[in-house]
C-alpha atoms as a PDB file:
ATOM      1  CA  UNK A   1      -0.149  -0.282  -0.113  1.00  0.00           C
ATOM      2  CA  UNK A   2       3.016   2.109   0.366  1.00  0.00           C
ATOM      3  CA  UNK A   3       3.503   2.401  -3.194  1.00  0.00           C
ATOM      4  CA  UNK A   4       0.159   3.974  -3.147  1.00  0.00           C
ATOM      5  CA  UNK A   5       1.213   7.324  -0.937  1.00  0.00           C
ATOM      6  CA  UNK A   6       3.501   9.975  -2.186  1.00  0.00           C
ATOM      7  CA  UNK A   7       5.005  10.130   0.889  1.00  0.00           C
ATOM      8  CA  UNK A   8       4.729   7.851   4.368  1.00  0.00           C
ATOM      9  CA  UNK A   9       6.210   8.293   7.570  1.00  0.00           C
ATOM     10  CA  UNK A  10       5.856   5.725  10.715  1.00  0.00           C
ATOM     11  CA  UNK A  11       5.483   7.640  14.267  1.00  0.00           C
ATOM     12  CA  UNK A  12       4.371   5.865  17.497  1.00  0.00           C
ATOM     13  CA  UNK A  13       1.538   7.422  19.646  1.00  0.00           C
ATOM     14  CA  UNK A  14       0.047   6.104  23.008  1.00  0.00           C
ATOM     15  CA  UNK A  15      -2.593   3.204  23.174  1.00  0.00           C
ATOM     16  CA  UNK A  16      -5.387   6.463  24.329  1.00  0.00           C
ATOM     17  CA  UNK A  17      -4.596   8.453  20.834  1.00  0.00           C
ATOM     18  CA  UNK A  18      -4.948   5.254  19.057  1.00  0.00           C
ATOM     19  CA  UNK A  19      -8.323   3.817  20.001  1.00  0.00           C
ATOM     20  CA  UNK A  20      -9.906   3.796  16.620  1.00  0.00           C
ATOM     21  CA  UNK A  21      -7.228   1.513  15.125  1.00  0.00           C
ATOM     22  CA  UNK A  22      -7.030  -0.803  18.272  1.00  0.00           C
ATOM     23  CA  UNK A  23     -10.556  -1.003  17.731  1.00  0.00           C
ATOM     24  CA  UNK A  24     -10.054  -2.477  13.942  1.00  0.00           C
ATOM     25  CA  UNK A  25      -7.406  -4.410  14.910  1.00  0.00           C
ATOM     26  CA  UNK A  26      -8.971  -6.680  17.584  1.00  0.00           C
ATOM     27  CA  UNK A  27     -12.134  -6.792  15.038  1.00  0.00           C
ATOM     28  CA  UNK A  28     -10.120  -8.636  12.647  1.00  0.00           C
ATOM     29  CA  UNK A  29      -8.486 -10.774  14.982  1.00  0.00           C
ATOM     30  CA  UNK A  30     -11.780 -11.776  16.083  1.00  0.00           C
ATOM     31  CA  UNK A  31     -12.609 -12.904  12.627  1.00  0.00           C
ATOM     32  CA  UNK A  32      -9.341 -15.019  12.129  1.00  0.00           C
ATOM     33  CA  UNK A  33     -11.358 -17.928  11.493  1.00  0.00           C
ATOM     34  CA  UNK A  34     -13.770 -16.693   9.105  1.00  0.00           C
ATOM     35  CA  UNK A  35     -12.281 -17.165   5.695  1.00  0.00           C
ATOM     36  CA  UNK A  36     -13.618 -14.338   4.065  1.00  0.00           C
ATOM     37  CA  UNK A  37     -11.772 -11.430   5.381  1.00  0.00           C
ATOM     38  CA  UNK A  38     -14.311  -8.813   4.159  1.00  0.00           C
ATOM     39  CA  UNK A  39     -16.570  -6.417   6.853  1.00  0.00           C
ATOM     40  CA  UNK A  40     -19.499  -5.599   6.457  1.00  0.00           C
ATOM     41  CA  UNK A  41     -20.952  -2.199   7.797  1.00  0.00           C
ATOM     42  CA  UNK A  42     -24.272  -1.684   7.790  1.00  0.00           C
ATOM     43  CA  UNK A  43     -25.883   1.835   8.053  1.00  0.00           C
ATOM     44  CA  UNK A  44     -28.988   3.426   8.611  1.00  0.00           C
ATOM     45  CA  UNK A  45     -30.240   6.848   7.442  1.00  0.00           C
ATOM     46  CA  UNK A  46     -31.754   7.884  11.105  1.00  0.00           C
ATOM     47  CA  UNK A  47     -31.547   6.055  14.409  1.00  0.00           C
ATOM     48  CA  UNK A  48     -33.462   3.134  15.417  1.00  0.00           C
ATOM     49  CA  UNK A  49     -34.259   5.060  18.567  1.00  0.00           C
ATOM     50  CA  UNK A  50     -35.425   8.533  17.954  1.00  0.00           C
ATOM     51  CA  UNK A  51     -35.962  10.883  21.400  1.00  0.00           C
ATOM     52  CA  UNK A  52     -39.472  12.942  20.845  1.00  0.00           C
ATOM     53  CA  UNK A  53     -38.869  16.833  21.193  1.00  0.00           C
ATOM     54  CA  UNK A  54     -41.181  18.498  23.697  1.00  0.00           C
ATOM     55  CA  UNK A  55     -42.005  21.868  23.141  1.00  0.00           C
ATOM     56  CA  UNK A  56     -43.901  23.981  25.733  1.00  0.00           C
ATOM     57  CA  UNK A  57     -45.718  26.945  24.816  1.00  0.00           C
ATOM     58  CA  UNK A  58     -45.901  29.694  27.369  1.00  0.00           C
ATOM     59  CA  UNK A  59     -49.143  31.659  27.024  1.00  0.00           C
ATOM     60  CA  UNK A  60     -48.148  35.443  26.929  1.00  0.00           C
ATOM     61  CA  UNK A  61     -51.391  36.628  28.723  1.00  0.00           C
ATOM     62  CA  UNK A  62     -50.659  34.934  31.793  1.00  0.00           C
ATOM     63  CA  UNK A  63     -48.891  37.173  34.238  1.00  0.00           C
ATOM     64  CA  UNK A  64     -48.261  37.058  38.340  1.00  0.00           C
ATOM     65  CA  UNK A  65     -50.730  38.934  40.282  1.00  0.00           C
ATOM     66  CA  UNK A  66     -48.448  41.855  40.270  1.00  0.00           C
ATOM     67  CA  UNK A  67     -48.559  42.903  36.738  1.00  0.00           C
ATOM     68  CA  UNK A  68     -52.103  44.387  36.420  1.00  0.00           C
ATOM     69  CA  UNK A  69     -51.402  46.545  39.621  1.00  0.00           C
ATOM     70  CA  UNK A  70     -47.753  47.889  38.073  1.00  0.00           C
ATOM     71  CA  UNK A  71     -49.193  48.467  34.817  1.00  0.00           C
ATOM     72  CA  UNK A  72     -51.762  50.656  36.449  1.00  0.00           C
ATOM     73  CA  UNK A  73     -49.263  52.542  38.786  1.00  0.00           C
ATOM     74  CA  UNK A  74     -46.487  52.908  36.311  1.00  0.00           C
ATOM     75  CA  UNK A  75     -48.845  53.422  33.100  1.00  0.00           C
ATOM     76  CA  UNK A  76     -51.671  54.290  34.447  1.00  0.00           C
ATOM     77  CA  UNK A  77     -53.873  51.110  31.741  1.00  0.00           C
ATOM     78  CA  UNK A  78     -57.033  50.136  32.938  1.00  0.00           C
ATOM     79  CA  UNK A  79     -59.831  47.477  32.330  1.00  0.00           C
ATOM     80  CA  UNK A  80     -62.132  48.495  29.611  1.00  0.00           C
ATOM     81  CA  UNK A  81     -64.786  47.251  31.719  1.00  0.00           C
ATOM     82  CA  UNK A  82     -66.028  50.159  34.232  1.00  0.00           C
ATOM     83  CA  UNK A  83     -66.474  47.740  37.259  1.00  0.00           C
ATOM     84  CA  UNK A  84     -63.013  45.965  36.755  1.00  0.00           C
ATOM     85  CA  UNK A  85     -61.433  49.385  36.761  1.00  0.00           C
ATOM     86  CA  UNK A  86     -63.026  50.434  39.717  1.00  0.00           C
ATOM     87  CA  UNK A  87     -61.771  47.387  41.414  1.00  0.00           C
ATOM     88  CA  UNK A  88     -58.499  47.977  40.212  1.00  0.00           C
ATOM     89  CA  UNK A  89     -57.967  51.193  41.756  1.00  0.00           C
ATOM     90  CA  UNK A  90     -58.955  50.479  44.978  1.00  0.00           C
ATOM     91  CA  UNK A  91     -56.995  47.684  45.009  1.00  0.00           C
ATOM     92  CA  UNK A  92     -54.199  49.942  43.516  1.00  0.00           C
ATOM     93  CA  UNK A  93     -54.597  52.518  46.214  1.00  0.00           C
ATOM     94  CA  UNK A  94     -53.181  49.919  48.870  1.00  0.00           C
ATOM     95  CA  UNK A  95     -49.723  49.670  46.803  1.00  0.00           C
ATOM     96  CA  UNK A  96     -46.644  51.828  46.298  1.00  0.00           C
ATOM     97  CA  UNK A  97     -43.870  51.560  43.465  1.00  0.00           C
ATOM     98  CA  UNK A  98     -40.543  52.185  44.732  1.00  0.00           C
ATOM     99  CA  UNK A  99     -37.205  51.833  42.723  1.00  0.00           C
ATOM    100  CA  UNK A 100     -39.349  49.475  40.302  1.00  0.00           C
ATOM    101  CA  UNK A 101     -40.235  47.111  42.644  1.00  0.00           C
ATOM    102  CA  UNK A 102     -44.202  46.727  43.947  1.00  0.00           C
ATOM    103  CA  UNK A 103     -44.685  47.388  47.926  1.00  0.00           C
ATOM    104  CA  UNK A 104     -47.895  46.673  49.974  1.00  0.00           C
ATOM    105  CA  UNK A 105     -48.609  49.655  52.256  1.00  0.00           C
ATOM    106  CA  UNK A 106     -49.252  49.029  55.984  1.00  0.00           C
ATOM    107  CA  UNK A 107     -51.142  50.584  58.752  1.00  0.00           C
ATOM    108  CA  UNK A 108     -48.747  49.870  61.479  1.00  0.00           C
ATOM    109  CA  UNK A 109     -45.727  48.116  59.977  1.00  0.00           C
ATOM    110  CA  UNK A 110     -43.405  49.031  56.986  1.00  0.00           C
ATOM    111  CA  UNK A 111     -43.967  48.634  53.664  1.00  0.00           C
ATOM    112  CA  UNK A 112     -44.359  45.096  52.758  1.00  0.00           C
ATOM    113  CA  UNK A 113     -42.422  43.721  49.399  1.00  0.00           C
ATOM    114  CA  UNK A 114     -44.656  42.133  47.392  1.00  0.00           C
ATOM    115  CA  UNK A 115     -43.493  38.802  45.885  1.00  0.00           C
ATOM    116  CA  UNK A 116     -45.009  35.970  43.209  1.00  0.00           C
ATOM    117  CA  UNK A 117     -46.617  32.725  44.590  1.00  0.00           C
ATOM    118  CA  UNK A 118     -43.038  30.945  43.417  1.00  0.00           C
ATOM    119  CA  UNK A 119     -40.853  33.714  45.496  1.00  0.00           C
ATOM    120  CA  UNK A 120     -42.974  33.650  48.281  1.00  0.00           C
ATOM    121  CA  UNK A 121     -42.695  29.300  48.578  1.00  0.00           C
ATOM    122  CA  UNK A 122     -38.882  29.853  48.422  1.00  0.00           C
ATOM    123  CA  UNK A 123     -39.289  32.726  51.337  1.00  0.00           C
ATOM    124  CA  UNK A 124     -41.633  30.260  53.251  1.00  0.00           C
ATOM    125  CA  UNK A 125     -39.056  27.294  53.372  1.00  0.00           C
ATOM    126  CA  UNK A 126     -36.114  29.709  54.481  1.00  0.00           C
ATOM    127  CA  UNK A 127     -38.227  30.797  57.376  1.00  0.00           C
ATOM    128  CA  UNK A 128     -39.783  27.439  58.160  1.00  0.00           C
ATOM    129  CA  UNK A 129     -37.093  25.321  57.897  1.00  0.00           C
ATOM    130  CA  UNK A 130     -33.928  27.326  57.539  1.00  0.00           C
ATOM    131  CA  UNK A 131     -31.284  28.034  59.622  1.00  0.00           C
ATOM    132  CA  UNK A 132     -33.620  30.013  62.372  1.00  0.00           C
ATOM    133  CA  UNK A 133     -36.229  28.245  61.410  1.00  0.00           C
ATOM    134  CA  UNK A 134     -38.525  26.190  64.248  1.00  0.00           C
ATOM    135  CA  UNK A 135     -41.325  24.531  62.233  1.00  0.00           C
ATOM    136  CA  UNK A 136     -44.108  26.627  63.314  1.00  0.00           C
ATOM    137  CA  UNK A 137     -47.732  26.230  62.676  1.00  0.00           C
ATOM    138  CA  UNK A 138     -49.075  27.703  59.139  1.00  0.00           C
ATOM    139  CA  UNK A 139     -50.782  30.843  60.659  1.00  0.00           C
ATOM    140  CA  UNK A 140     -47.652  31.891  63.200  1.00  0.00           C
ATOM    141  CA  UNK A 141     -45.400  30.944  59.737  1.00  0.00           C
ATOM    142  CA  UNK A 142     -47.845  33.369  57.904  1.00  0.00           C
ATOM    143  CA  UNK A 143     -47.006  36.172  60.368  1.00  0.00           C
ATOM    144  CA  UNK A 144     -43.573  35.529  60.533  1.00  0.00           C
ATOM    145  CA  UNK A 145     -43.516  36.135  56.880  1.00  0.00           C
ATOM    146  CA  UNK A 146     -45.468  39.225  57.208  1.00  0.00           C
ATOM    147  CA  UNK A 147     -42.996  40.332  60.157  1.00  0.00           C
ATOM    148  CA  UNK A 148     -40.171  39.592  57.680  1.00  0.00           C
ATOM    149  CA  UNK A 149     -41.126  42.212  55.060  1.00  0.00           C
ATOM    150  CA  UNK A 150     -43.146  40.150  52.496  1.00  0.00           C
ATOM    151  CA  UNK A 151     -46.619  39.754  50.997  1.00  0.00           C
ATOM    152  CA  UNK A 152     -48.755  38.075  48.469  1.00  0.00           C
ATOM    153  CA  UNK A 153     -52.408  37.497  48.182  1.00  0.00           C
ATOM    154  CA  UNK A 154     -52.255  33.449  49.155  1.00  0.00           C
ATOM    155  CA  UNK A 155     -49.485  33.573  51.671  1.00  0.00           C
ATOM    156  CA  UNK A 156     -51.763  31.937  54.583  1.00  0.00           C
ATOM    157  CA  UNK A 157     -53.161  29.349  52.098  1.00  0.00           C
ATOM    158  CA  UNK A 158     -49.565  28.648  51.082  1.00  0.00           C
ATOM    159  CA  UNK A 159     -47.967  28.454  54.607  1.00  0.00           C
ATOM    160  CA  UNK A 160     -50.289  25.556  55.709  1.00  0.00           C
ATOM    161  CA  UNK A 161     -49.464  23.642  52.326  1.00  0.00           C
ATOM    162  CA  UNK A 162     -45.851  24.244  53.181  1.00  0.00           C
ATOM    163  CA  UNK A 163     -46.740  22.782  56.903  1.00  0.00           C
ATOM    164  CA  UNK A 164     -48.541  19.984  55.191  1.00  0.00           C
ATOM    165  CA  UNK A 165     -45.716  19.128  53.104  1.00  0.00           C
ATOM    166  CA  UNK A 166     -43.189  19.111  55.629  1.00  0.00           C
ATOM    167  CA  UNK A 167     -41.707  15.608  56.729  1.00  0.00           C
ATOM    168  CA  UNK A 168     -40.375  16.200  59.980  1.00  0.00           C
ATOM    169  CA  UNK A 169     -43.875  18.088  61.241  1.00  0.00           C
ATOM    170  CA  UNK A 170     -45.941  15.494  60.338  1.00  0.00           C
ATOM    171  CA  UNK A 171     -43.436  12.948  62.285  1.00  0.00           C
ATOM    172  CA  UNK A 172     -43.075  15.008  65.443  1.00  0.00           C
ATOM    173  CA  UNK A 173     -46.115  17.126  65.356  1.00  0.00           C
ATOM    174  CA  UNK A 174     -48.373  16.705  68.118  1.00  0.00           C
ATOM    175  CA  UNK A 175     -51.923  14.652  67.961  1.00  0.00           C
ATOM    176  CA  UNK A 176     -53.853  16.353  70.745  1.00  0.00           C
ATOM    177  CA  UNK A 177     -56.757  13.416  71.995  1.00  0.00           C
ATOM    178  CA  UNK A 178     -58.033  15.925  74.723  1.00  0.00           C
ATOM    179  CA  UNK A 179     -60.989  18.214  74.085  1.00  0.00           C
ATOM    180  CA  UNK A 180     -61.002  22.077  74.746  1.00  0.00           C
ATOM    181  CA  UNK A 181     -61.128  23.537  78.435  1.00  0.00           C
ATOM    182  CA  UNK A 182     -61.786  26.628  79.874  1.00  0.00           C
ATOM    183  CA  UNK A 183     -58.889  29.254  80.383  1.00  0.00           C
ATOM    184  CA  UNK A 184     -57.349  29.260  83.945  1.00  0.00           C
ATOM    185  CA  UNK A 185     -56.115  32.827  84.946  1.00  0.00           C
ATOM    186  CA  UNK A 186     -52.554  34.060  85.491  1.00  0.00           C
ATOM    187  CA  UNK A 187     -51.569  32.938  89.008  1.00  0.00           C
ATOM    188  CA  UNK A 188     -48.439  35.121  89.279  1.00  0.00           C
ATOM    189  CA  UNK A 189     -49.164  38.600  90.875  1.00  0.00           C
ATOM    190  CA  UNK A 190     -46.490  40.507  88.303  1.00  0.00           C
ATOM    191  CA  UNK A 191     -43.395  39.523  86.056  1.00  0.00           C
ATOM    192  CA  UNK A 192     -40.430  36.957  87.340  1.00  0.00           C
ATOM    193  CA  UNK A 193     -41.704  36.532  90.564  1.00  0.00           C
ATOM    194  CA  UNK A 194     -42.780  32.635  90.591  1.00  0.00           C
ATOM    195  CA  UNK A 195     -40.674  30.432  88.419  1.00  0.00           C
ATOM    196  CA  UNK A 196     -41.111  26.607  87.494  1.00  0.00           C
ATOM    197  CA  UNK A 197     -38.316  24.580  87.175  1.00  0.00           C
ATOM    198  CA  UNK A 198     -37.701  21.214  85.802  1.00  0.00           C
ATOM    199  CA  UNK A 199     -35.484  18.717  84.560  1.00  0.00           C
ATOM    200  CA  UNK A 200     -34.809  16.896  81.343  1.00  0.00           C
ATOM    201  CA  UNK A 201     -33.357  13.859  80.191  1.00  0.00           C
ATOM    202  CA  UNK A 202     -30.893  11.804  80.244  1.00  0.00           C
ATOM    203  CA  UNK A 203     -30.676  13.243  76.394  1.00  0.00           C
ATOM    204  CA  UNK A 204     -28.266  11.907  73.426  1.00  0.00           C
ATOM    205  CA  UNK A 205     -24.623  12.333  75.118  1.00  0.00           C
ATOM    206  CA  UNK A 206     -23.590  15.810  73.326  1.00  0.00           C
ATOM    207  CA  UNK A 207     -20.134  17.755  74.048  1.00  0.00           C
ATOM    208  CA  UNK A 208     -19.321  17.684  77.551  1.00  0.00           C
ATOM    209  CA  UNK A 209     -20.356  14.778  78.192  1.00  0.00           C
ATOM    210  CA  UNK A 210     -23.956  16.751  78.400  1.00  0.00           C
ATOM    211  CA  UNK A 211     -26.920  15.137  78.361  1.00  0.00           C
ATOM    212  CA  UNK A 212     -29.420  16.605  80.806  1.00  0.00           C
ATOM    213  CA  UNK A 213     -31.387  20.125  80.379  1.00  0.00           C
ATOM    214  CA  UNK A 214     -32.445  21.975  83.116  1.00  0.00           C
ATOM    215  CA  UNK A 215     -35.214  24.357  82.122  1.00  0.00           C
ATOM    216  CA  UNK A 216     -36.790  27.509  84.279  1.00  0.00           C
ATOM    217  CA  UNK A 217     -40.076  29.386  83.208  1.00  0.00           C
ATOM    218  CA  UNK A 218     -41.773  32.375  84.464  1.00  0.00           C
ATOM    219  CA  UNK A 219     -45.355  31.891  85.065  1.00  0.00           C
ATOM    220  CA  UNK A 220     -46.404  35.742  84.588  1.00  0.00           C
ATOM    221  CA  UNK A 221     -44.335  36.404  80.985  1.00  0.00           C
ATOM    222  CA  UNK A 222     -43.356  32.941  79.739  1.00  0.00           C
ATOM    223  CA  UNK A 223     -40.004  34.053  79.888  1.00  0.00           C
ATOM    224  CA  UNK A 224     -37.351  31.177  79.603  1.00  0.00           C
ATOM    225  CA  UNK A 225     -34.516  29.916  80.663  1.00  0.00           C
ATOM    226  CA  UNK A 226     -32.302  26.664  79.961  1.00  0.00           C
ATOM    227  CA  UNK A 227     -29.117  25.409  80.202  1.00  0.00           C
ATOM    228  CA  UNK A 228     -27.286  22.058  79.462  1.00  0.00           C
ATOM    229  CA  UNK A 229     -25.858  20.192  81.993  1.00  0.00           C
ATOM    230  CA  UNK A 230     -23.333  16.925  82.264  1.00  0.00           C
ATOM    231  CA  UNK A 231     -24.827  16.151  85.408  1.00  0.00           C
ATOM    232  CA  UNK A 232     -27.654  16.967  87.863  1.00  0.00           C
ATOM    233  CA  UNK A 233     -26.944  17.970  91.597  1.00  0.00           C
ATOM    234  CA  UNK A 234     -27.871  20.119  93.901  1.00  0.00           C
ATOM    235  CA  UNK A 235     -25.144  22.432  93.333  1.00  0.00           C
ATOM    236  CA  UNK A 236     -25.617  22.286  89.651  1.00  0.00           C
ATOM    237  CA  UNK A 237     -29.105  23.418  90.175  1.00  0.00           C
ATOM    238  CA  UNK A 238     -28.040  26.386  92.659  1.00  0.00           C
ATOM    239  CA  UNK A 239     -25.414  27.811  90.151  1.00  0.00           C
ATOM    240  CA  UNK A 240     -28.188  27.857  87.122  1.00  0.00           C
ATOM    241  CA  UNK A 241     -30.327  29.854  89.742  1.00  0.00           C
ATOM    242  CA  UNK A 242     -27.992  31.986  90.623  1.00  0.00           C
ATOM    243  CA  UNK A 243     -26.501  32.741  87.372  1.00  0.00           C
ATOM    244  CA  UNK A 244     -29.507  32.816  85.472  1.00  0.00           C
ATOM    245  CA  UNK A 245     -32.454  34.103  87.722  1.00  0.00           C
ATOM    246  CA  UNK A 246     -31.061  35.741  90.817  1.00  0.00           C
ATOM    247  CA  UNK A 247     -28.534  37.881  89.117  1.00  0.00           C
ATOM    248  CA  UNK A 248     -30.524  38.929  85.963  1.00  0.00           C
ATOM    249  CA  UNK A 249     -34.080  39.234  87.195  1.00  0.00           C
ATOM    250  CA  UNK A 250     -33.721  39.790  91.049  1.00  0.00           C
ATOM    251  CA  UNK A 251     -34.499  37.270  93.719  1.00  0.00           C
ATOM    252  CA  UNK A 252     -38.228  35.217  92.900  1.00  0.00           C
ATOM    253  CA  UNK A 253     -40.607  35.232  95.433  1.00  0.00           C
ATOM    254  CA  UNK A 254     -41.316  31.476  94.871  1.00  0.00           C
ATOM    255  CA  UNK A 255     -40.008  27.966  92.838  1.00  0.00           C
ATOM    256  CA  UNK A 256     -42.074  25.193  91.790  1.00  0.00           C
ATOM    257  CA  UNK A 257     -40.238  22.249  91.088  1.00  0.00           C
ATOM    258  CA  UNK A 258     -40.862  18.458  91.538  1.00  0.00           C
ATOM    259  CA  UNK A 259     -39.536  16.450  94.724  1.00  0.00           C
ATOM    260  CA  UNK A 260     -36.364  15.191  92.939  1.00  0.00           C
ATOM    261  CA  UNK A 261     -33.262  14.944  95.233  1.00  0.00           C
ATOM    262  CA  UNK A 262     -31.741  17.787  93.589  1.00  0.00           C
ATOM    263  CA  UNK A 263     -34.690  20.404  94.539  1.00  0.00           C
ATOM    264  CA  UNK A 264     -35.671  18.670  97.866  1.00  0.00           C
ATOM    265  CA  UNK A 265     -32.308  18.187  99.615  1.00  0.00           C
ATOM    266  CA  UNK A 266     -31.040  19.976 102.629  1.00  0.00           C
ATOM    267  CA  UNK A 267     -28.389  21.838 100.946  1.00  0.00           C
ATOM    268  CA  UNK A 268     -31.038  23.771  98.252  1.00  0.00           C
ATOM    269  CA  UNK A 269     -33.563  24.277 100.730  1.00  0.00           C
ATOM    270  CA  UNK A 270     -30.928  26.080 103.074  1.00  0.00           C
ATOM    271  CA  UNK A 271     -30.243  28.066  99.829  1.00  0.00           C
ATOM    272  CA  UNK A 272     -33.839  29.065  99.586  1.00  0.00           C
ATOM    273  CA  UNK A 273     -34.050  29.368 103.134  1.00  0.00           C
ATOM    274  CA  UNK A 274     -31.421  31.967 102.697  1.00  0.00           C
ATOM    275  CA  UNK A 275     -32.655  34.382 100.109  1.00  0.00           C
ATOM    276  CA  UNK A 276     -36.328  33.808 101.668  1.00  0.00           C
ATOM    277  CA  UNK A 277     -37.557  31.752  98.233  1.00  0.00           C
ATOM    278  CA  UNK A 278     -40.803  29.753  99.038  1.00  0.00           C
ATOM    279  CA  UNK A 279     -40.626  26.279  97.735  1.00  0.00           C
ATOM    280  CA  UNK A 280     -43.681  24.709  96.526  1.00  0.00           C
ATOM    281  CA  UNK A 281     -43.738  21.070  94.829  1.00  0.00           C
ATOM    282  CA  UNK A 282     -45.817  19.286  92.678  1.00  0.00           C
ATOM    283  CA  UNK A 283     -47.872  16.214  93.695  1.00  0.00           C
ATOM    284  CA  UNK A 284     -46.500  12.645  93.610  1.00  0.00           C
ATOM    285  CA  UNK A 285     -47.579  11.335  89.932  1.00  0.00           C
ATOM    286  CA  UNK A 286     -49.092  14.695  88.979  1.00  0.00           C
ATOM    287  CA  UNK A 287     -46.845  16.610  86.956  1.00  0.00           C
ATOM    288  CA  UNK A 288     -49.614  18.689  85.713  1.00  0.00           C
ATOM    289  CA  UNK A 289     -49.375  20.730  88.765  1.00  0.00           C
ATOM    290  CA  UNK A 290     -46.448  22.351  87.368  1.00  0.00           C
ATOM    291  CA  UNK A 291     -48.112  22.811  83.611  1.00  0.00           C
ATOM    292  CA  UNK A 292     -46.358  25.698  82.214  1.00  0.00           C
ATOM    293  CA  UNK A 293     -43.085  23.939  82.409  1.00  0.00           C
ATOM    294  CA  UNK A 294     -44.163  20.499  81.345  1.00  0.00           C
ATOM    295  CA  UNK A 295     -45.645  22.276  78.286  1.00  0.00           C
ATOM    296  CA  UNK A 296     -42.378  24.023  77.629  1.00  0.00           C
ATOM    297  CA  UNK A 297     -40.026  20.903  77.823  1.00  0.00           C
ATOM    298  CA  UNK A 298     -42.892  19.383  75.433  1.00  0.00           C
ATOM    299  CA  UNK A 299     -42.316  22.542  73.092  1.00  0.00           C
ATOM    300  CA  UNK A 300     -38.529  22.596  73.419  1.00  0.00           C
ATOM    301  CA  UNK A 301     -38.034  18.734  72.589  1.00  0.00           C
ATOM    302  CA  UNK A 302     -40.542  18.987  70.008  1.00  0.00           C
ATOM    303  CA  UNK A 303     -38.608  21.686  68.024  1.00  0.00           C
ATOM    304  CA  UNK A 304     -35.400  19.975  68.763  1.00  0.00           C
ATOM    305  CA  UNK A 305     -36.650  16.701  67.334  1.00  0.00           C
ATOM    306  CA  UNK A 306     -37.594  18.639  64.069  1.00  0.00           C
ATOM    307  CA  UNK A 307     -34.882  20.420  63.580  1.00  0.00           C
ATOM    308  CA  UNK A 308     -32.350  17.816  64.266  1.00  0.00           C
ATOM    309  CA  UNK A 309     -33.428  14.673  62.146  1.00  0.00           C
ATOM    310  CA  UNK A 310     -31.024  11.773  63.211  1.00  0.00           C
ATOM    311  CA  UNK A 311     -28.218  14.245  64.287  1.00  0.00           C
ATOM    312  CA  UNK A 312     -29.120  13.780  68.170  1.00  0.00           C
ATOM    313  CA  UNK A 313     -25.954  14.670  69.450  1.00  0.00           C
ATOM    314  CA  UNK A 314     -26.224  18.374  68.477  1.00  0.00           C
ATOM    315  CA  UNK A 315     -29.137  19.416  70.558  1.00  0.00           C
ATOM    316  CA  UNK A 316     -26.762  21.677  72.474  1.00  0.00           C
ATOM    317  CA  UNK A 317     -25.774  23.546  69.175  1.00  0.00           C
ATOM    318  CA  UNK A 318     -29.538  23.627  68.172  1.00  0.00           C
ATOM    319  CA  UNK A 319     -30.975  24.957  71.796  1.00  0.00           C
ATOM    320  CA  UNK A 320     -30.176  29.042  71.444  1.00  0.00           C
ATOM    321  CA  UNK A 321     -32.448  28.794  67.884  1.00  0.00           C
ATOM    322  CA  UNK A 322     -35.242  26.510  69.536  1.00  0.00           C
ATOM    323  CA  UNK A 323     -35.558  28.812  72.789  1.00  0.00           C
ATOM    324  CA  UNK A 324     -34.931  31.823  71.097  1.00  0.00           C
ATOM    325  CA  UNK A 325     -33.113  35.018  72.759  1.00  0.00           C
ATOM    326  CA  UNK A 326     -34.532  33.822  76.129  1.00  0.00           C
ATOM    327  CA  UNK A 327     -31.913  31.259  76.801  1.00  0.00           C
ATOM    328  CA  UNK A 328     -28.349  31.099  76.586  1.00  0.00           C
ATOM    329  CA  UNK A 329     -27.390  34.377  77.015  1.00  0.00           C
ATOM    330  CA  UNK A 330     -24.838  33.989  79.960  1.00  0.00           C
ATOM    331  CA  UNK A 331     -21.824  34.898  78.646  1.00  0.00           C
ATOM    332  CA  UNK A 332     -21.754  38.992  80.136  1.00  0.00           C
ATOM    333  CA  UNK A 333     -23.382  38.067  83.326  1.00  0.00           C
ATOM    334  CA  UNK A 334     -20.405  36.931  84.437  1.00  0.00           C
ATOM    335  CA  UNK A 335     -18.590  40.116  84.006  1.00  0.00           C
ATOM    336  CA  UNK A 336     -21.432  42.079  85.168  1.00  0.00           C
ATOM    337  CA  UNK A 337     -23.643  40.544  87.205  1.00  0.00           C
ATOM    338  CA  UNK A 338     -27.100  42.381  88.300  1.00  0.00           C
ATOM    339  CA  UNK A 339     -27.368  45.237  90.757  1.00  0.00           C
ATOM    340  CA  UNK A 340     -29.099  43.020  93.202  1.00  0.00           C
ATOM    341  CA  UNK A 341     -25.590  41.243  93.073  1.00  0.00           C
ATOM    342  CA  UNK A 342     -22.785  43.967  93.366  1.00  0.00           C
ATOM    343  CA  UNK A 343     -20.408  41.318  94.261  1.00  0.00           C
ATOM    344  CA  UNK A 344     -21.285  38.642  91.754  1.00  0.00           C
ATOM    345  CA  UNK A 345     -20.389  35.888  94.276  1.00  0.00           C
ATOM    346  CA  UNK A 346     -23.201  33.572  95.842  1.00  0.00           C
ATOM    347  CA  UNK A 347     -23.854  34.341  99.674  1.00  0.00           C
END
């Protein structure tokens, strides 16, 4: 065959760059037993399997709920019907254009940025299950969205849909079997006067071998103080009450707790007696006596379950987000104690 070429040269290349010739050589060697050395290639004008092309036609007449209001506020475009034009003028009076964006006027709040339902769905999922989300219910989620400065007409309906589709909420939501009861008046006369305290655990072990949680709730304001503990003893309870309640809100009048040894021991009783704090204990096998604290414990555990999923050992890191700004604020207290305790030391 070299005679048929004017010039020919031989060069060595790598196997990766000679894949086509290598495949032909393998094909020829596999047909060595066949007498005929002819290789027949069958070609087809079109592929045996063709992918169908789908063309999605977008109707240009369809638009979001904002377009009609924006056209009226910017260009004065109104419907031909007098009745529809009157409805549009009344509706547009509640909106305003700022820097090319549509905002809704509010009576007691700043302007709310108007979103499409698609944009609103992203906002709802971020508020509901984002880094600061607590998996609240539909009505509370709508209120949070409004406070964040967003608005669209179907937001209340969309919030309920987001909650229904949230798997964590469906797995850990409370199932109420009790019938509704009459509301009871507040038993505490003033803020930070009467506190309920309780221990929760053992929980999955976290960093620092912490697997217990101590929770204190004010009966008047529903203010929550919570702190993870590695061990539960009278000394740890006294430290918690001194650092989080006495040095911040003053000496309480009364403390309600169960009959655990951490609260009924002589050391804790002497400490309460020295500060003139009255102790009230719940009835045995009747935690409803301290119902405010029990409800708070249940709420904290429910939010931790929905936020963590299988990462149970990270509950300490998620505790500040679950309890909100009412928990885990003990840093500055060690440097600047409450005025009622000028030395910052326990008696």
